[in-house]
Amino acid sequence: MPLILRQLFLFAFTLGLCWQTAVAGDWPQILGPTRNGIAQDEQLADSWPANGPQVVWKQKIGSGLAGPVVADGRVVLFQRIGDNDVVQAYDAQTGKPGWKNQFPTTFRPSINPDDGPRSIPLIHKDRVYLFGAAGDLRCVSFADGQELWVRHTHKEFGAREGYFGAGSSPIVVDDKLLLNVGGFRGPAVVAFSLDKGKTLWEAVKDTASYSSPVVATLNGKQQVIFITRMNLVSLDPADGTVQFQVPFGRRGPTVNGANPLVIGNHVFATSHYGVGGLMVEVGAAAPKTIWENDEALSSHYPTPIYYEGNLYGIHGQERASPLHLRCVDAKTGGVLWSEDNFGIGTFIMADGKLLITKLDGEIVLVEPSPKKYTELSRAQIGRSTTRALPALADGKLYLRDEQFLYCVDVGR
C-alpha cells in the first residue's frame, strides 16, 4: 500500500475514536461510557501485590449473566432470585444494598443452566432500562427502582427466546431507546420512546443476536450499528431507515455475541462458528470489505479492544476449540502475536493497559503492544464461572460470578 494511503487509513482509524467522550467515574452501560470497553479517564495500578488487589467488598447475589453498571456512586445489578427478576442498587464504595424491585419471570433456560437475565442494564439520566431473558423491556426510576413502564416484546413482536434467552442490551440515541428485539415474523429492531415506551418505528426483518448496538457518525451522518442474527446493519436513528446492510452470520446453532466496533469510517464485526472477522469501510456507496477471514480473530462472544491500530481479542469458542489471546493488525487482519491457550476473557482498556477478566474468575493485566504478549500481573478474584461483563469506575472493578458481586481496587 502506498505511504500516503497508509497514512490516510491510520488517520481514519484514529478519527473514529474522537466522536466518543468518556464520563469519569461512571460505567452506565455495556462496555462503558463509549460502548467500546475503553475507560479514557481511569488510572490503573501498574501491577498488583502477590496476594492480588484488595477486594473492597462483596455481596451475595442471585443468578444471571448481566454485568453491573455504575453511575453517581451507585452500582445497579440485574439478577434473578426465585421466580423473580430483581434489580438491585448498591453503594459503590461500601456495597451496602439500597433500593430494589422485582418482577415475575417465566424464563426457563434450554442450554445454559443459568436462569437469570443476560442483558446489561442501561442507566440514562434518571432512569434504568432493563431487558429480561424472557423479552420483558422495563424502565425503572434510578432514584428508587420503581417501575415506570414495561413492554413484553416477545409476545408483542413475535420474537423467540433463542438459544439462551434474550440478551442484547438497548441503546439510547437522542430521545429514543433502540433494541434488537428480533421478531420472528416482525421487526429486528424497534425504537421506543424514553418517557412511556411507545413504539416509534420498526426496522429490518431478522431475528435477534446477543450483540449490542453502538452509535457512530459515519460520513458525517449519525448511525446506529447493529449485528442481528444474520446481518451487520446500520440504521438512521431518526426513523429506522437502513443506511447499509452486510450479511454476517450463519444458519444453524450459531450465535453472534460480540458488539460491532466502529473505527473511523470502518466497522469491525466478529463471530465464531465459521463466520470469522469482517472489516468493512463505509463510504457513500455500498460498504467495501477491507478484509475477511476465519483465521485471525473469530470471537465467540467477547468484544475485542481497538488500540493504536490493532485489535486485541480472543480467537476461538468457549467449549469447542482452543482459546487464544491475539493482537491483530486492524488494517490487514494479520495476526501479530498469539498467546495460545489463554482461555476466554472479557476486556477493559484503561490507562494504556488491558484488564482481562477470565471465565474462571482470574483477572489479568496486560501491556498492549504489537510486538509481543507482556503480562504485568494476574490475580484470582471470583471462585466460580465469571462470564458477565465487568464495570470499571473510579479505580474499582465491579465483577460478578455465579455467587457474588465483587468490588476490587485496581486503581492507583
Protein backbone atom coordinates (compact mmCIF):
# COMPACT_ATOMS: atom_id res chain seq x y z
CA MET A 1 0.00 0.00 0.00
CA PRO A 2 1.45 3.46 -0.93
CA LEU A 3 2.63 5.53 2.03
CA ILE A 4 0.02 8.25 1.60
CA LEU A 5 -2.81 5.69 1.59
CA ARG A 6 -1.46 4.04 4.71
CA GLN A 7 -1.32 7.43 6.44
CA LEU A 8 -4.88 8.25 5.42
CA PHE A 9 -6.04 4.84 6.62
CA LEU A 10 -4.43 5.29 10.03
CA PHE A 11 -5.90 8.79 10.27
CA ALA A 12 -9.37 7.45 9.60
CA PHE A 13 -8.96 4.75 12.24
CA THR A 14 -7.83 7.29 14.83
CA LEU A 15 -10.54 9.77 13.93
CA GLY A 16 -13.20 7.19 14.70
CA LEU A 17 -12.42 7.39 18.39
CA CYS A 18 -12.71 11.18 18.52
CA TRP A 19 -16.53 11.30 18.44
CA GLN A 20 -16.64 9.44 21.72
CA THR A 21 -16.23 11.04 25.14
CA ALA A 22 -15.90 9.18 28.42
CA VAL A 23 -17.52 10.11 31.71
CA ALA A 24 -15.03 9.80 34.56
CA GLY A 25 -16.21 7.60 37.40
CA ASP A 26 -19.26 6.16 35.61
CA TRP A 27 -19.83 2.94 33.67
CA PRO A 28 -23.54 3.34 32.86
CA GLN A 29 -23.98 0.79 30.06
CA ILE A 30 -22.48 -2.24 28.37
CA LEU A 31 -18.74 -1.80 27.73
CA GLY A 32 -18.69 1.59 29.42
CA PRO A 33 -19.44 5.22 28.51
CA THR A 34 -18.39 4.79 24.87
CA ARG A 35 -19.63 1.19 24.50
CA ASN A 36 -16.22 0.02 23.26
CA GLY A 37 -14.62 -1.19 26.50
CA ILE A 38 -12.38 1.87 26.80
CA ALA A 39 -12.26 3.93 30.01
CA GLN A 40 -10.48 7.10 28.98
CA ASP A 41 -10.06 8.77 32.38
CA GLU A 42 -9.27 5.82 34.63
CA GLN A 43 -5.83 5.10 36.11
CA LEU A 44 -4.79 1.53 36.85
CA ALA A 45 -2.05 0.20 39.09
CA ASP A 46 0.99 -0.97 37.12
CA SER A 47 0.98 -4.29 38.98
CA TRP A 48 -0.71 -6.00 41.91
CA PRO A 49 0.69 -7.47 45.16
CA ALA A 50 1.40 -11.17 45.30
CA ASN A 51 -1.94 -11.76 47.05
CA GLY A 52 -3.78 -9.68 44.46
CA PRO A 53 -5.54 -6.32 44.58
CA GLN A 54 -7.79 -5.54 47.53
CA VAL A 55 -11.36 -6.83 47.43
CA VAL A 56 -13.13 -3.83 48.95
CA TRP A 57 -16.45 -5.60 49.37
CA LYS A 58 -18.56 -8.43 48.01
CA GLN A 59 -22.26 -9.19 48.13
CA LYS A 60 -24.16 -12.44 47.72
CA ILE A 61 -26.30 -12.27 44.59
CA GLY A 62 -28.78 -14.26 42.52
CA SER A 63 -28.37 -15.89 39.12
CA GLY A 64 -27.74 -14.12 35.83
CA LEU A 65 -25.14 -13.23 33.23
CA ALA A 66 -25.84 -9.48 33.17
CA GLY A 67 -22.86 -7.41 34.28
CA PRO A 68 -23.12 -4.45 36.67
CA VAL A 69 -23.39 -0.78 35.73
CA VAL A 70 -22.26 2.22 37.78
CA ALA A 71 -23.39 5.85 37.97
CA ASP A 72 -23.40 8.58 40.61
CA GLY A 73 -21.83 6.37 43.27
CA ARG A 74 -24.36 3.60 42.81
CA VAL A 75 -23.96 0.09 41.36
CA VAL A 76 -27.01 -1.44 39.68
CA LEU A 77 -27.25 -5.19 39.14
CA PHE A 78 -29.92 -7.18 37.30
CA GLN A 79 -30.30 -10.71 38.68
CA ARG A 80 -32.80 -13.46 39.36
CA ILE A 81 -33.92 -14.66 42.78
CA GLY A 82 -36.51 -17.45 42.82
CA ASP A 83 -39.17 -16.74 40.21
CA ASN A 84 -38.43 -13.03 40.00
CA ASP A 85 -36.08 -10.82 38.04
CA VAL A 86 -34.61 -8.41 40.58
CA VAL A 87 -32.96 -5.05 40.00
CA GLN A 88 -30.84 -4.04 43.00
CA ALA A 89 -28.82 -0.92 43.79
CA TYR A 90 -25.70 -0.95 45.97
CA ASP A 91 -23.49 1.77 47.37
CA ALA A 92 -20.42 1.74 45.12
CA GLN A 93 -17.98 2.43 47.98
CA THR A 94 -19.36 0.13 50.69
CA GLY A 95 -21.55 -2.41 48.90
CA LYS A 96 -24.46 -1.58 51.19
CA PRO A 97 -27.72 -2.64 49.49
CA GLY A 98 -30.06 0.17 48.55
CA TRP A 99 -33.38 0.08 46.72
CA LYS A 100 -34.59 -2.97 44.83
CA ASN A 101 -37.56 -4.03 42.78
CA GLN A 102 -38.66 -7.39 41.45
CA PHE A 103 -40.78 -8.67 38.58
CA PRO A 104 -42.15 -12.16 37.87
CA THR A 105 -40.33 -14.06 35.13
CA THR A 106 -41.28 -17.15 33.15
CA PHE A 107 -37.86 -17.72 31.55
CA ARG A 108 -36.59 -21.29 31.52
CA PRO A 109 -33.11 -21.91 30.03
CA SER A 110 -32.75 -24.56 27.36
CA ILE A 111 -28.94 -24.77 27.03
CA ASN A 112 -27.03 -22.79 29.64
CA PRO A 113 -28.31 -23.72 33.13
CA ASP A 114 -28.23 -20.13 34.37
CA ASP A 115 -31.83 -18.85 34.52
CA GLY A 116 -31.16 -15.17 35.17
CA PRO A 117 -31.06 -12.07 32.94
CA ARG A 118 -28.37 -11.77 30.28
CA SER A 119 -28.76 -8.16 29.17
CA ILE A 120 -26.71 -5.48 30.95
CA PRO A 121 -28.88 -2.62 32.29
CA LEU A 122 -28.64 0.86 30.81
CA ILE A 123 -28.60 3.93 33.07
CA HIS A 124 -29.66 7.11 31.29
CA LYS A 125 -30.25 10.29 33.30
CA ASP A 126 -32.84 9.45 35.97
CA ARG A 127 -33.89 6.08 34.57
CA VAL A 128 -32.67 2.50 34.25
CA TYR A 129 -33.68 0.33 31.29
CA LEU A 130 -33.81 -3.46 31.74
CA PHE A 131 -34.28 -6.26 29.22
CA GLY A 132 -35.11 -9.63 30.76
CA ALA A 133 -34.28 -13.02 29.28
CA ALA A 134 -37.98 -13.62 28.54
CA GLY A 135 -38.14 -10.41 26.48
CA ASP A 136 -39.64 -8.02 29.03
CA LEU A 137 -38.34 -4.48 28.46
CA ARG A 138 -38.71 -2.30 31.54
CA CYS A 139 -37.96 1.24 32.61
CA VAL A 140 -37.46 1.94 36.31
CA SER A 141 -36.52 5.02 38.28
CA PHE A 142 -32.81 5.40 39.06
CA ALA A 143 -33.77 7.12 42.33
CA ASP A 144 -35.84 4.31 43.87
CA GLY A 145 -36.28 1.46 41.36
CA GLN A 146 -40.00 1.98 40.85
CA GLU A 147 -41.34 0.68 37.54
CA LEU A 148 -42.34 3.42 35.09
CA TRP A 149 -43.32 1.30 32.07
CA VAL A 150 -42.97 -2.19 30.60
CA ARG A 151 -43.20 -3.77 27.13
CA HIS A 152 -43.47 -7.54 26.64
CA THR A 153 -41.51 -7.64 23.40
CA HIS A 154 -41.52 -11.38 22.73
CA LYS A 155 -45.30 -11.51 22.88
CA GLU A 156 -45.87 -8.19 21.10
CA PHE A 157 -43.40 -8.66 18.24
CA GLY A 158 -43.42 -12.44 17.90
CA ALA A 159 -39.81 -12.81 18.98
CA ARG A 160 -38.28 -16.09 20.11
CA GLU A 161 -36.07 -16.55 23.16
CA GLY A 162 -33.26 -18.03 21.09
CA TYR A 163 -30.67 -20.42 22.45
CA PHE A 164 -30.01 -18.57 25.70
CA GLY A 165 -32.95 -16.18 26.13
CA ALA A 166 -32.93 -12.51 25.15
CA GLY A 167 -29.54 -10.90 25.69
CA SER A 168 -28.93 -7.77 23.61
CA SER A 169 -28.64 -4.55 25.62
CA PRO A 170 -30.60 -1.46 24.45
CA ILE A 171 -29.07 1.87 23.48
CA VAL A 172 -30.31 5.45 23.90
CA VAL A 173 -29.98 7.77 20.91
CA ASP A 174 -31.45 11.24 21.32
CA ASP A 175 -35.00 10.69 22.63
CA LYS A 176 -35.29 7.03 21.67
CA LEU A 177 -34.47 3.64 23.16
CA LEU A 178 -33.37 1.23 20.42
CA LEU A 179 -33.42 -2.54 20.92
CA ASN A 180 -32.58 -5.65 18.88
CA VAL A 181 -35.96 -7.29 19.57
CA GLY A 182 -35.70 -9.84 16.77
CA GLY A 183 -39.30 -10.54 15.86
CA PHE A 184 -39.54 -13.92 14.11
CA ARG A 185 -42.06 -12.55 11.61
CA GLY A 186 -41.74 -8.94 12.67
CA PRO A 187 -39.05 -6.31 13.09
CA ALA A 188 -35.49 -6.99 14.15
CA VAL A 189 -35.05 -3.50 15.65
CA VAL A 190 -37.64 -1.38 17.44
CA ALA A 191 -37.37 2.20 18.69
CA PHE A 192 -39.27 3.06 21.86
CA SER A 193 -39.96 6.45 23.44
CA LEU A 194 -37.93 7.04 26.58
CA ASP A 195 -40.78 8.50 28.59
CA LYS A 196 -43.54 5.93 28.12
CA GLY A 197 -42.07 3.12 25.99
CA LYS A 198 -44.30 3.76 22.97
CA THR A 199 -43.27 2.24 19.64
CA LEU A 200 -41.78 4.95 17.40
CA TRP A 201 -40.54 2.89 14.47
CA GLU A 202 -39.68 -0.66 13.40
CA ALA A 203 -36.93 -1.75 11.03
CA VAL A 204 -35.36 -4.77 9.29
CA LYS A 205 -36.65 -8.33 9.06
CA ASP A 206 -34.36 -10.60 11.08
CA THR A 207 -34.19 -12.39 14.40
CA ALA A 208 -32.12 -11.26 17.37
CA SER A 209 -28.50 -11.77 18.31
CA TYR A 210 -26.63 -11.35 21.59
CA SER A 211 -24.66 -8.43 20.24
CA SER A 212 -25.49 -4.91 21.45
CA PRO A 213 -25.61 -1.85 19.16
CA VAL A 214 -23.33 1.17 19.04
CA VAL A 215 -23.86 4.72 17.78
CA ALA A 216 -21.42 6.47 15.45
CA THR A 217 -21.05 9.25 12.95
CA LEU A 218 -20.08 7.79 9.57
CA ASN A 219 -19.58 10.07 6.58
CA GLY A 220 -20.99 12.94 8.59
CA LYS A 221 -24.25 11.16 9.44
CA GLN A 222 -25.28 9.71 12.79
CA GLN A 223 -25.99 5.99 12.55
CA VAL A 224 -26.70 3.08 14.88
CA ILE A 225 -24.87 -0.15 14.06
CA PHE A 226 -26.47 -3.49 14.93
CA ILE A 227 -25.37 -7.08 14.46
CA THR A 228 -28.58 -9.07 14.19
CA ARG A 229 -28.87 -12.83 13.76
CA MET A 230 -27.71 -12.72 10.14
CA ASN A 231 -26.64 -9.17 9.31
CA LEU A 232 -24.41 -6.23 10.09
CA VAL A 233 -26.82 -3.35 9.61
CA SER A 234 -26.76 0.43 10.05
CA LEU A 235 -29.92 2.42 10.74
CA ASP A 236 -30.82 6.09 10.85
CA PRO A 237 -31.92 6.57 14.49
CA ALA A 238 -34.45 9.20 13.43
CA ASP A 239 -36.73 6.82 11.53
CA GLY A 240 -35.03 3.42 11.17
CA THR A 241 -34.06 3.84 7.52
CA VAL A 242 -31.39 1.32 6.54
CA GLN A 243 -28.08 3.03 5.75
CA PHE A 244 -26.26 -0.16 4.81
CA GLN A 245 -26.62 -3.89 5.35
CA VAL A 246 -23.98 -6.61 5.03
CA PRO A 247 -24.63 -10.34 5.52
CA PHE A 248 -22.95 -11.54 8.72
CA GLY A 249 -23.79 -14.84 10.38
CA ARG A 250 -24.65 -18.47 9.59
CA ARG A 251 -27.75 -20.60 9.85
CA GLY A 252 -27.86 -23.39 12.38
CA PRO A 253 -26.73 -23.45 16.03
CA THR A 254 -24.66 -20.27 15.83
CA VAL A 255 -24.52 -17.07 17.88
CA ASN A 256 -23.42 -13.51 17.15
CA GLY A 257 -22.31 -12.23 20.55
CA ALA A 258 -19.60 -9.56 20.20
CA ASN A 259 -20.55 -5.93 19.66
CA PRO A 260 -19.56 -4.12 16.46
CA LEU A 261 -16.55 -1.80 16.69
CA VAL A 262 -16.62 1.50 14.81
CA ILE A 263 -13.15 2.76 13.90
CA GLY A 264 -13.15 5.88 11.79
CA ASN A 265 -15.23 5.07 8.69
CA HIS A 266 -14.65 1.37 9.28
CA VAL A 267 -16.75 -1.20 11.14
CA PHE A 268 -15.39 -4.46 12.53
CA ALA A 269 -17.59 -7.45 13.33
CA THR A 270 -16.52 -10.82 14.68
CA SER A 271 -18.14 -14.15 15.49
CA HIS A 272 -17.17 -17.80 15.75
CA TYR A 273 -18.99 -20.82 14.21
CA GLY A 274 -17.21 -20.39 10.88
CA VAL A 275 -18.27 -16.76 10.48
CA GLY A 276 -14.95 -15.08 11.34
CA GLY A 277 -13.83 -11.46 11.42
CA LEU A 278 -15.02 -8.81 8.96
CA MET A 279 -13.65 -5.30 8.45
CA VAL A 280 -15.67 -3.04 6.14
CA GLU A 281 -15.13 0.55 5.03
CA VAL A 282 -18.27 2.66 4.96
CA GLY A 283 -18.44 5.22 2.15
CA ALA A 284 -21.04 6.93 0.04
CA ALA A 285 -21.58 3.73 -1.95
CA ALA A 286 -22.03 0.19 -0.61
CA PRO A 287 -19.65 -0.86 2.20
CA LYS A 288 -16.32 -2.17 0.93
CA THR A 289 -14.77 -5.27 2.51
CA ILE A 290 -11.21 -4.46 3.61
CA TRP A 291 -10.52 -7.95 4.92
CA GLU A 292 -12.45 -11.02 5.97
CA ASN A 293 -11.21 -14.33 7.36
CA ASP A 294 -11.86 -17.00 9.96
CA GLU A 295 -8.23 -17.46 10.95
CA ALA A 296 -7.29 -14.22 12.73
CA LEU A 297 -9.94 -13.12 15.27
CA SER A 298 -13.16 -15.14 15.44
CA SER A 299 -14.64 -14.32 18.83
CA HIS A 300 -17.28 -16.48 20.49
CA TYR A 301 -18.74 -13.53 22.44
CA PRO A 302 -16.11 -11.17 23.95
CA THR A 303 -15.88 -7.81 22.16
CA PRO A 304 -12.28 -7.04 21.15
CA ILE A 305 -10.48 -3.81 22.01
CA TYR A 306 -9.11 -1.48 19.35
CA TYR A 307 -5.92 0.36 20.37
CA GLU A 308 -3.34 2.20 18.28
CA GLY A 309 -4.05 0.43 15.02
CA ASN A 310 -4.51 -3.08 16.42
CA LEU A 311 -7.29 -5.34 17.67
CA TYR A 312 -6.89 -7.31 20.90
CA GLY A 313 -9.31 -10.18 21.43
CA ILE A 314 -9.98 -13.87 21.96
CA HIS A 315 -9.92 -16.21 18.97
CA GLY A 316 -11.93 -19.38 19.50
CA GLN A 317 -15.09 -20.83 21.01
CA GLU A 318 -15.53 -21.37 24.72
CA ARG A 319 -16.40 -25.06 24.71
CA ALA A 320 -15.32 -26.32 21.31
CA SER A 321 -11.83 -25.05 20.48
CA PRO A 322 -8.58 -23.71 21.95
CA LEU A 323 -8.86 -20.07 23.02
CA HIS A 324 -6.04 -17.74 22.04
CA LEU A 325 -5.44 -14.13 23.11
CA ARG A 326 -4.38 -12.29 19.97
CA CYS A 327 -3.12 -9.00 18.64
CA VAL A 328 -4.31 -8.46 15.06
CA ASP A 329 -3.37 -5.71 12.63
CA ALA A 330 -6.66 -3.87 12.07
CA LYS A 331 -5.65 -2.76 8.57
CA THR A 332 -4.85 -6.20 7.18
CA GLY A 333 -6.28 -8.83 9.51
CA GLY A 334 -2.81 -10.29 10.01
CA VAL A 335 -2.00 -11.92 13.37
CA LEU A 336 0.88 -10.07 15.04
CA TRP A 337 1.12 -12.41 18.02
CA SER A 338 -0.91 -15.11 19.73
CA GLU A 339 -0.84 -16.18 23.37
CA ASP A 340 -2.11 -19.68 22.78
CA ASN A 341 -4.46 -21.49 25.16
CA PHE A 342 -5.03 -18.30 27.14
CA GLY A 343 -8.68 -19.10 27.77
CA ILE A 344 -11.72 -16.91 27.26
CA GLY A 345 -11.99 -13.48 28.82
CA THR A 346 -13.65 -10.08 28.54
CA PHE A 347 -11.77 -6.81 28.03
CA ILE A 348 -11.50 -3.34 29.50
CA MET A 349 -8.89 -0.85 28.25
CA ALA A 350 -7.69 1.87 30.63
CA ASP A 351 -4.51 3.84 31.30
CA GLY A 352 -2.68 2.15 28.44
CA LYS A 353 -3.36 -1.34 29.84
CA LEU A 354 -5.65 -4.23 29.08
CA LEU A 355 -7.64 -5.54 32.05
CA ILE A 356 -8.93 -9.00 31.20
CA THR A 357 -11.49 -10.89 33.30
CA LYS A 358 -11.32 -14.62 32.63
CA LEU A 359 -14.06 -17.22 32.83
CA ASP A 360 -12.58 -18.79 35.96
CA GLY A 361 -12.64 -15.50 37.93
CA GLU A 362 -8.99 -14.63 37.37
CA ILE A 363 -8.10 -11.09 36.28
CA VAL A 364 -5.02 -10.38 34.16
CA LEU A 365 -3.27 -7.08 33.47
CA VAL A 366 -1.57 -6.94 30.05
CA GLU A 367 0.51 -4.32 28.27
CA PRO A 368 -0.96 -3.82 24.78
CA SER A 369 1.81 -3.99 22.21
CA PRO A 370 2.01 -5.26 18.63
CA LYS A 371 5.42 -6.78 19.34
CA LYS A 372 4.66 -9.46 21.91
CA TYR A 373 2.45 -10.58 24.79
CA THR A 374 3.57 -8.87 28.00
CA GLU A 375 1.80 -9.79 31.22
CA LEU A 376 2.01 -7.29 34.09
CA SER A 377 0.00 -9.06 36.82
CA ARG A 378 -2.69 -11.60 37.48
CA ALA A 379 -4.89 -12.44 40.48
CA GLN A 380 -7.75 -14.77 41.39
CA ILE A 381 -10.92 -12.89 42.38
CA GLY A 382 -14.02 -14.91 41.53
CA ARG A 383 -14.36 -18.50 42.65
CA SER A 384 -16.94 -19.68 40.14
CA THR A 385 -17.85 -19.06 36.50
CA THR A 386 -17.34 -15.37 35.68
CA ARG A 387 -18.94 -14.80 32.29
CA ALA A 388 -20.66 -11.44 32.83
CA LEU A 389 -19.00 -8.28 31.56
CA PRO A 390 -17.45 -6.26 34.41
CA ALA A 391 -17.52 -2.49 35.03
CA LEU A 392 -14.70 -0.08 35.88
CA ALA A 393 -15.40 3.13 37.78
CA ASP A 394 -13.16 5.34 39.96
CA GLY A 395 -10.40 2.74 40.02
CA LYS A 396 -12.75 -0.03 41.15
CA LEU A 397 -13.51 -3.14 39.13
CA TYR A 398 -17.03 -4.48 39.69
CA LEU A 399 -17.47 -8.07 38.57
CA ARG A 400 -19.91 -10.87 39.23
CA ASP A 401 -19.52 -14.61 39.26
CA GLU A 402 -22.22 -17.19 39.96
CA GLN A 403 -22.35 -16.31 43.65
CA PHE A 404 -21.05 -12.83 44.41
CA LEU A 405 -20.74 -9.27 43.18
CA TYR A 406 -17.20 -8.04 43.90
CA CYS A 407 -15.69 -4.57 44.19
CA VAL A 408 -11.92 -4.74 43.57
CA ASP A 409 -9.48 -1.84 43.92
CA VAL A 410 -7.38 -1.88 40.74
CA GLY A 411 -6.62 1.86 40.59
CA ARG A 412 -3.59 3.91 41.52
